[in-house]
Amino acid sequence: MILKLRRRYLRETNFRRQGISRQLLPASEQWLRQKGCTQIDSDMQLNNTISYHFHIRMGFKEAAQLIAFIKDLD
């Protein structure tokens, strides 16, 4: 089983950069292992260097770079 993380971040900027996510992720990983999950899939915007470095520090490996497409239907 693989968990896909989407749009996970602290909305309140005054709570950012305090290590909250760094503490929550290991606890989440432990719970997920107990539930049979074997992998976490996460994504981010290509220009989000803070998120990139967080993921690397937390043991994530870069798997791919994707491009999203949109088309307006006027």
PDB file of N, CA and C in Angstrom:
ATOM      1  N   MET A   1       0.850  -1.169   0.000  1.00  0.00           N
ATOM      2  CA  MET A   1       0.000   0.000   0.000  1.00  0.00           C
ATOM      3  C   MET A   1       0.900   1.238   0.000  1.00  0.00           C
ATOM      4  N   ILE A   2       0.528   2.219  -0.807  1.00  0.00           N
ATOM      5  CA  ILE A   2       1.280   3.471  -0.914  1.00  0.00           C
ATOM      6  C   ILE A   2       0.372   4.629  -0.536  1.00  0.00           C
ATOM      7  N   LEU A   3       0.864   5.510   0.330  1.00  0.00           N
ATOM      8  CA  LEU A   3       0.124   6.717   0.689  1.00  0.00           C
ATOM      9  C   LEU A   3       0.602   7.855  -0.194  1.00  0.00           C
ATOM     10  N   LYS A   4      -0.324   8.582  -0.795  1.00  0.00           N
ATOM     11  CA  LYS A   4       0.009   9.750  -1.600  1.00  0.00           C
ATOM     12  C   LYS A   4      -0.333  11.004  -0.799  1.00  0.00           C
ATOM     13  N   LEU A   5       0.682  11.775  -0.462  1.00  0.00           N
ATOM     14  CA  LEU A   5       0.477  13.020   0.273  1.00  0.00           C
ATOM     15  C   LEU A   5       0.214  14.141  -0.722  1.00  0.00           C
ATOM     16  N   ARG A   6      -0.823  14.900  -0.484  1.00  0.00           N
ATOM     17  CA  ARG A   6      -1.162  16.018  -1.356  1.00  0.00           C
ATOM     18  C   ARG A   6      -1.528  17.234  -0.507  1.00  0.00           C
ATOM     19  N   ARG A   7      -1.009  18.369  -0.908  1.00  0.00           N
ATOM     20  CA  ARG A   7      -1.343  19.654  -0.282  1.00  0.00           C
ATOM     21  C   ARG A   7      -1.258  19.617   1.240  1.00  0.00           C
ATOM     22  N   ARG A   8      -0.132  19.157   1.731  1.00  0.00           N
ATOM     23  CA  ARG A   8       0.062  19.147   3.168  1.00  0.00           C
ATOM     24  C   ARG A   8       1.096  20.216   3.527  1.00  0.00           C
ATOM     25  N   TYR A   9       0.643  21.187   4.265  1.00  0.00           N
ATOM     26  CA  TYR A   9       1.515  22.252   4.739  1.00  0.00           C
ATOM     27  C   TYR A   9       0.776  22.999   5.838  1.00  0.00           C
ATOM     28  N   LEU A  10       1.520  23.750   6.611  1.00  0.00           N
ATOM     29  CA  LEU A  10       0.908  24.560   7.662  1.00  0.00           C
ATOM     30  C   LEU A  10       0.418  25.860   7.037  1.00  0.00           C
ATOM     31  N   ARG A  11      -0.869  26.090   7.129  1.00  0.00           N
ATOM     32  CA  ARG A  11      -1.444  27.304   6.541  1.00  0.00           C
ATOM     33  C   ARG A  11      -1.010  28.565   7.289  1.00  0.00           C
ATOM     34  N   GLU A  12      -0.985  28.495   8.591  1.00  0.00           N
ATOM     35  CA  GLU A  12      -0.620  29.667   9.389  1.00  0.00           C
ATOM     36  C   GLU A  12       0.892  29.868   9.334  1.00  0.00           C
ATOM     37  N   THR A  13       1.313  30.956   8.725  1.00  0.00           N
ATOM     38  CA  THR A  13       2.747  31.176   8.534  1.00  0.00           C
ATOM     39  C   THR A  13       3.504  31.304   9.852  1.00  0.00           C
ATOM     40  N   ASN A  14       2.847  31.749  10.915  1.00  0.00           N
ATOM     41  CA  ASN A  14       3.560  31.893  12.187  1.00  0.00           C
ATOM     42  C   ASN A  14       3.879  30.538  12.826  1.00  0.00           C
ATOM     43  N   PHE A  15       3.309  29.440  12.299  1.00  0.00           N
ATOM     44  CA  PHE A  15       3.636  28.103  12.791  1.00  0.00           C
ATOM     45  C   PHE A  15       4.706  27.423  11.937  1.00  0.00           C
ATOM     46  N   ARG A  16       5.065  28.030  10.830  1.00  0.00           N
ATOM     47  CA  ARG A  16       6.057  27.424   9.943  1.00  0.00           C
ATOM     48  C   ARG A  16       7.461  27.603  10.506  1.00  0.00           C
ATOM     49  N   ARG A  17       8.351  26.707  10.045  1.00  0.00           N
ATOM     50  CA  ARG A  17       9.784  26.765  10.401  1.00  0.00           C
ATOM     51  C   ARG A  17      10.019  26.573  11.897  1.00  0.00           C
ATOM     52  N   GLN A  18       9.142  25.829  12.565  1.00  0.00           N
ATOM     53  CA  GLN A  18       9.311  25.538  13.988  1.00  0.00           C
ATOM     54  C   GLN A  18       9.543  24.049  14.245  1.00  0.00           C
ATOM     55  N   GLY A  19       9.666  23.249  13.199  1.00  0.00           N
ATOM     56  CA  GLY A  19       9.927  21.831  13.368  1.00  0.00           C
ATOM     57  C   GLY A  19       8.688  20.976  13.569  1.00  0.00           C
ATOM     58  N   ILE A  20       7.511  21.546  13.367  1.00  0.00           N
ATOM     59  CA  ILE A  20       6.268  20.794  13.587  1.00  0.00           C
ATOM     60  C   ILE A  20       6.166  19.636  12.597  1.00  0.00           C
ATOM     61  N   SER A  21       6.363  19.899  11.326  1.00  0.00           N
ATOM     62  CA  SER A  21       6.287  18.830  10.319  1.00  0.00           C
ATOM     63  C   SER A  21       7.397  17.808  10.523  1.00  0.00           C
ATOM     64  N   ARG A  22       8.557  18.267  10.936  1.00  0.00           N
ATOM     65  CA  ARG A  22       9.683  17.369  11.192  1.00  0.00           C
ATOM     66  C   ARG A  22       9.357  16.397  12.322  1.00  0.00           C
ATOM     67  N   GLN A  23       8.517  16.806  13.262  1.00  0.00           N
ATOM     68  CA  GLN A  23       8.096  15.933  14.356  1.00  0.00           C
ATOM     69  C   GLN A  23       6.905  15.063  13.957  1.00  0.00           C
ATOM     70  N   LEU A  24       5.992  15.605  13.163  1.00  0.00           N
ATOM     71  CA  LEU A  24       4.795  14.857  12.772  1.00  0.00           C
ATOM     72  C   LEU A  24       5.087  13.727  11.788  1.00  0.00           C
ATOM     73  N   LEU A  25       6.014  13.941  10.871  1.00  0.00           N
ATOM     74  CA  LEU A  25       6.256  12.950   9.830  1.00  0.00           C
ATOM     75  C   LEU A  25       6.719  11.604  10.389  1.00  0.00           C
ATOM     76  N   PRO A  26       7.711  11.541  11.291  1.00  0.00           N
ATOM     77  CA  PRO A  26       8.106  10.233  11.824  1.00  0.00           C
ATOM     78  C   PRO A  26       6.968   9.517  12.557  1.00  0.00           C
ATOM     79  N   ALA A  27       6.158  10.246  13.286  1.00  0.00           N
ATOM     80  CA  ALA A  27       5.013   9.629  13.973  1.00  0.00           C
ATOM     81  C   ALA A  27       4.013   9.099  12.948  1.00  0.00           C
ATOM     82  N   SER A  28       3.799   9.856  11.878  1.00  0.00           N
ATOM     83  CA  SER A  28       2.897   9.414  10.810  1.00  0.00           C
ATOM     84  C   SER A  28       3.446   8.172  10.123  1.00  0.00           C
ATOM     85  N   GLU A  29       4.756   8.155   9.880  1.00  0.00           N
ATOM     86  CA  GLU A  29       5.380   6.997   9.239  1.00  0.00           C
ATOM     87  C   GLU A  29       5.215   5.740  10.090  1.00  0.00           C
ATOM     88  N   GLN A  30       5.404   5.883  11.384  1.00  0.00           N
ATOM     89  CA  GLN A  30       5.250   4.733  12.285  1.00  0.00           C
ATOM     90  C   GLN A  30       3.817   4.201  12.218  1.00  0.00           C
ATOM     91  N   TRP A  31       2.837   5.079  12.268  1.00  0.00           N
ATOM     92  CA  TRP A  31       1.434   4.672  12.204  1.00  0.00           C
ATOM     93  C   TRP A  31       1.131   3.991  10.871  1.00  0.00           C
ATOM     94  N   LEU A  32       1.655   4.557   9.776  1.00  0.00           N
ATOM     95  CA  LEU A  32       1.422   3.989   8.452  1.00  0.00           C
ATOM     96  C   LEU A  32       2.030   2.594   8.318  1.00  0.00           C
ATOM     97  N   ARG A  33       3.229   2.399   8.872  1.00  0.00           N
ATOM     98  CA  ARG A  33       3.840   1.065   8.846  1.00  0.00           C
ATOM     99  C   ARG A  33       2.949   0.050   9.552  1.00  0.00           C
ATOM    100  N   GLN A  34       2.390   0.451  10.685  1.00  0.00           N
ATOM    101  CA  GLN A  34       1.504  -0.441  11.441  1.00  0.00           C
ATOM    102  C   GLN A  34       0.257  -0.797  10.630  1.00  0.00           C
ATOM    103  N   LYS A  35      -0.149   0.079   9.738  1.00  0.00           N
ATOM    104  CA  LYS A  35      -1.331  -0.156   8.903  1.00  0.00           C
ATOM    105  C   LYS A  35      -0.988  -0.880   7.602  1.00  0.00           C
ATOM    106  N   GLY A  36       0.275  -1.223   7.405  1.00  0.00           N
ATOM    107  CA  GLY A  36       0.679  -1.975   6.224  1.00  0.00           C
ATOM    108  C   GLY A  36       1.161  -1.148   5.054  1.00  0.00           C
ATOM    109  N   CYS A  37       1.306   0.145   5.254  1.00  0.00           N
ATOM    110  CA  CYS A  37       1.781   1.014   4.181  1.00  0.00           C
ATOM    111  C   CYS A  37       3.292   0.819   4.023  1.00  0.00           C
ATOM    112  N   THR A  38       3.761   0.706   2.788  1.00  0.00           N
ATOM    113  CA  THR A  38       5.180   0.460   2.540  1.00  0.00           C
ATOM    114  C   THR A  38       5.895   1.633   1.873  1.00  0.00           C
ATOM    115  N   GLN A  39       5.153   2.657   1.487  1.00  0.00           N
ATOM    116  CA  GLN A  39       5.773   3.782   0.796  1.00  0.00           C
ATOM    117  C   GLN A  39       4.900   5.022   0.920  1.00  0.00           C
ATOM    118  N   ILE A  40       5.566   6.187   0.961  1.00  0.00           N
ATOM    119  CA  ILE A  40       4.863   7.473   0.943  1.00  0.00           C
ATOM    120  C   ILE A  40       5.253   8.176  -0.352  1.00  0.00           C
ATOM    121  N   ASP A  41       4.271   8.677  -1.059  1.00  0.00           N
ATOM    122  CA  ASP A  41       4.459   9.414  -2.307  1.00  0.00           C
ATOM    123  C   ASP A  41       4.083  10.862  -2.014  1.00  0.00           C
ATOM    124  N   SER A  42       4.977  11.787  -2.297  1.00  0.00           N
ATOM    125  CA  SER A  42       4.718  13.195  -2.016  1.00  0.00           C
ATOM    126  C   SER A  42       5.088  14.022  -3.241  1.00  0.00           C
ATOM    127  N   ASP A  43       4.482  15.186  -3.372  1.00  0.00           N
ATOM    128  CA  ASP A  43       4.844  16.060  -4.485  1.00  0.00           C
ATOM    129  C   ASP A  43       4.944  17.500  -4.009  1.00  0.00           C
ATOM    130  N   MET A  44       5.451  18.351  -4.884  1.00  0.00           N
ATOM    131  CA  MET A  44       5.648  19.761  -4.560  1.00  0.00           C
ATOM    132  C   MET A  44       5.798  20.538  -5.859  1.00  0.00           C
ATOM    133  N   GLN A  45       5.666  21.844  -5.769  1.00  0.00           N
ATOM    134  CA  GLN A  45       5.931  22.718  -6.911  1.00  0.00           C
ATOM    135  C   GLN A  45       7.440  22.705  -7.184  1.00  0.00           C
ATOM    136  N   LEU A  46       7.843  22.732  -8.450  1.00  0.00           N
ATOM    137  CA  LEU A  46       9.263  22.674  -8.796  1.00  0.00           C
ATOM    138  C   LEU A  46      10.079  23.810  -8.194  1.00  0.00           C
ATOM    139  N   ASN A  47       9.479  24.969  -8.011  1.00  0.00           N
ATOM    140  CA  ASN A  47      10.219  26.127  -7.500  1.00  0.00           C
ATOM    141  C   ASN A  47      10.182  26.244  -5.978  1.00  0.00           C
ATOM    142  N   ASN A  48       9.627  25.263  -5.275  1.00  0.00           N
ATOM    143  CA  ASN A  48       9.507  25.327  -3.816  1.00  0.00           C
ATOM    144  C   ASN A  48      10.746  24.708  -3.167  1.00  0.00           C
ATOM    145  N   THR A  49      11.801  25.502  -3.066  1.00  0.00           N
ATOM    146  CA  THR A  49      13.064  24.974  -2.547  1.00  0.00           C
ATOM    147  C   THR A  49      12.977  24.598  -1.070  1.00  0.00           C
ATOM    148  N   ILE A  50      12.157  25.288  -0.297  1.00  0.00           N
ATOM    149  CA  ILE A  50      12.000  24.939   1.119  1.00  0.00           C
ATOM    150  C   ILE A  50      11.422  23.537   1.244  1.00  0.00           C
ATOM    151  N   SER A  51      10.374  23.252   0.483  1.00  0.00           N
ATOM    152  CA  SER A  51       9.768  21.927   0.506  1.00  0.00           C
ATOM    153  C   SER A  51      10.745  20.873  -0.001  1.00  0.00           C
ATOM    154  N   TYR A  52      11.478  21.195  -1.057  1.00  0.00           N
ATOM    155  CA  TYR A  52      12.448  20.248  -1.614  1.00  0.00           C
ATOM    156  C   TYR A  52      13.461  19.835  -0.550  1.00  0.00           C
ATOM    157  N   HIS A  53      14.052  20.814   0.107  1.00  0.00           N
ATOM    158  CA  HIS A  53      15.074  20.508   1.114  1.00  0.00           C
ATOM    159  C   HIS A  53      14.480  19.783   2.319  1.00  0.00           C
ATOM    160  N   PHE A  54      13.250  20.096   2.686  1.00  0.00           N
ATOM    161  CA  PHE A  54      12.574  19.368   3.764  1.00  0.00           C
ATOM    162  C   PHE A  54      12.444  17.893   3.393  1.00  0.00           C
ATOM    163  N   HIS A  55      11.953  17.621   2.193  1.00  0.00           N
ATOM    164  CA  HIS A  55      11.778  16.237   1.753  1.00  0.00           C
ATOM    165  C   HIS A  55      13.109  15.475   1.779  1.00  0.00           C
ATOM    166  N   ILE A  56      14.163  16.092   1.269  1.00  0.00           N
ATOM    167  CA  ILE A  56      15.476  15.440   1.256  1.00  0.00           C
ATOM    168  C   ILE A  56      15.941  15.159   2.683  1.00  0.00           C
ATOM    169  N   ARG A  57      15.814  16.146   3.573  1.00  0.00           N
ATOM    170  CA  ARG A  57      16.214  15.952   4.980  1.00  0.00           C
ATOM    171  C   ARG A  57      15.435  14.828   5.641  1.00  0.00           C
ATOM    172  N   MET A  58      14.189  14.645   5.240  1.00  0.00           N
ATOM    173  CA  MET A  58      13.333  13.629   5.855  1.00  0.00           C
ATOM    174  C   MET A  58      13.479  12.262   5.183  1.00  0.00           C
ATOM    175  N   GLY A  59      14.412  12.128   4.260  1.00  0.00           N
ATOM    176  CA  GLY A  59      14.705  10.827   3.679  1.00  0.00           C
ATOM    177  C   GLY A  59      13.996  10.500   2.382  1.00  0.00           C
ATOM    178  N   PHE A  60      13.260  11.450   1.827  1.00  0.00           N
ATOM    179  CA  PHE A  60      12.607  11.220   0.538  1.00  0.00           C
ATOM    180  C   PHE A  60      13.662  11.263  -0.567  1.00  0.00           C
ATOM    181  N   LYS A  61      13.425  10.532  -1.633  1.00  0.00           N
ATOM    182  CA  LYS A  61      14.279  10.555  -2.817  1.00  0.00           C
ATOM    183  C   LYS A  61      13.473  11.121  -3.977  1.00  0.00           C
ATOM    184  N   GLU A  62      14.134  11.918  -4.801  1.00  0.00           N
ATOM    185  CA  GLU A  62      13.460  12.454  -5.985  1.00  0.00           C
ATOM    186  C   GLU A  62      13.198  11.305  -6.955  1.00  0.00           C
ATOM    187  N   ALA A  63      11.943  11.119  -7.330  1.00  0.00           N
ATOM    188  CA  ALA A  63      11.563  10.004  -8.197  1.00  0.00           C
ATOM    189  C   ALA A  63      11.341  10.451  -9.637  1.00  0.00           C
ATOM    190  N   ALA A  64      10.805  11.643  -9.827  1.00  0.00           N
ATOM    191  CA  ALA A  64      10.506  12.125 -11.179  1.00  0.00           C
ATOM    192  C   ALA A  64      10.189  13.607 -11.116  1.00  0.00           C
ATOM    193  N   GLN A  65      10.251  14.256 -12.255  1.00  0.00           N
ATOM    194  CA  GLN A  65       9.778  15.627 -12.382  1.00  0.00           C
ATOM    195  C   GLN A  65       8.646  15.605 -13.392  1.00  0.00           C
ATOM    196  N   LEU A  66       7.501  16.084 -12.965  1.00  0.00           N
ATOM    197  CA  LEU A  66       6.309  16.050 -13.807  1.00  0.00           C
ATOM    198  C   LEU A  66       5.907  17.455 -14.215  1.00  0.00           C
ATOM    199  N   ILE A  67       5.260  17.550 -15.328  1.00  0.00           N
ATOM    200  CA  ILE A  67       4.688  18.812 -15.778  1.00  0.00           C
ATOM    201  C   ILE A  67       3.179  18.631 -15.837  1.00  0.00           C
ATOM    202  N   ALA A  68       2.452  19.548 -15.223  1.00  0.00           N
ATOM    203  CA  ALA A  68       0.987  19.502 -15.252  1.00  0.00           C
ATOM    204  C   ALA A  68       0.501  20.410 -16.372  1.00  0.00           C
ATOM    205  N   PHE A  69      -0.543  19.997 -17.046  1.00  0.00           N
ATOM    206  CA  PHE A  69      -1.119  20.776 -18.135  1.00  0.00           C
ATOM    207  C   PHE A  69      -2.538  21.194 -17.775  1.00  0.00           C
ATOM    208  N   ILE A  70      -2.928  22.379 -18.240  1.00  0.00           N
ATOM    209  CA  ILE A  70      -4.316  22.817 -18.124  1.00  0.00           C
ATOM    210  C   ILE A  70      -4.755  23.386 -19.469  1.00  0.00           C
ATOM    211  N   LYS A  71      -6.046  23.417 -19.674  1.00  0.00           N
ATOM    212  CA  LYS A  71      -6.599  24.015 -20.886  1.00  0.00           C
ATOM    213  C   LYS A  71      -7.913  24.670 -20.509  1.00  0.00           C
ATOM    214  N   ASP A  72      -8.021  25.962 -20.777  1.00  0.00           N
ATOM    215  CA  ASP A  72      -9.267  26.671 -20.520  1.00  0.00           C
ATOM    216  C   ASP A  72     -10.305  26.283 -21.565  1.00  0.00           C
ATOM    217  N   LEU A  73     -11.500  26.041 -21.121  1.00  0.00           N
ATOM    218  CA  LEU A  73     -12.607  25.718 -22.022  1.00  0.00           C
ATOM    219  C   LEU A  73     -13.566  26.898 -22.051  1.00  0.00           C
ATOM    220  N   ASP A  74     -13.225  27.891 -22.850  1.00  0.00           N
ATOM    221  CA  ASP A  74     -14.028  29.122 -22.925  1.00  0.00           C
ATOM    222  C   ASP A  74     -15.366  28.873 -23.557  1.00  0.00           C
TER     223      ASP A  74
END
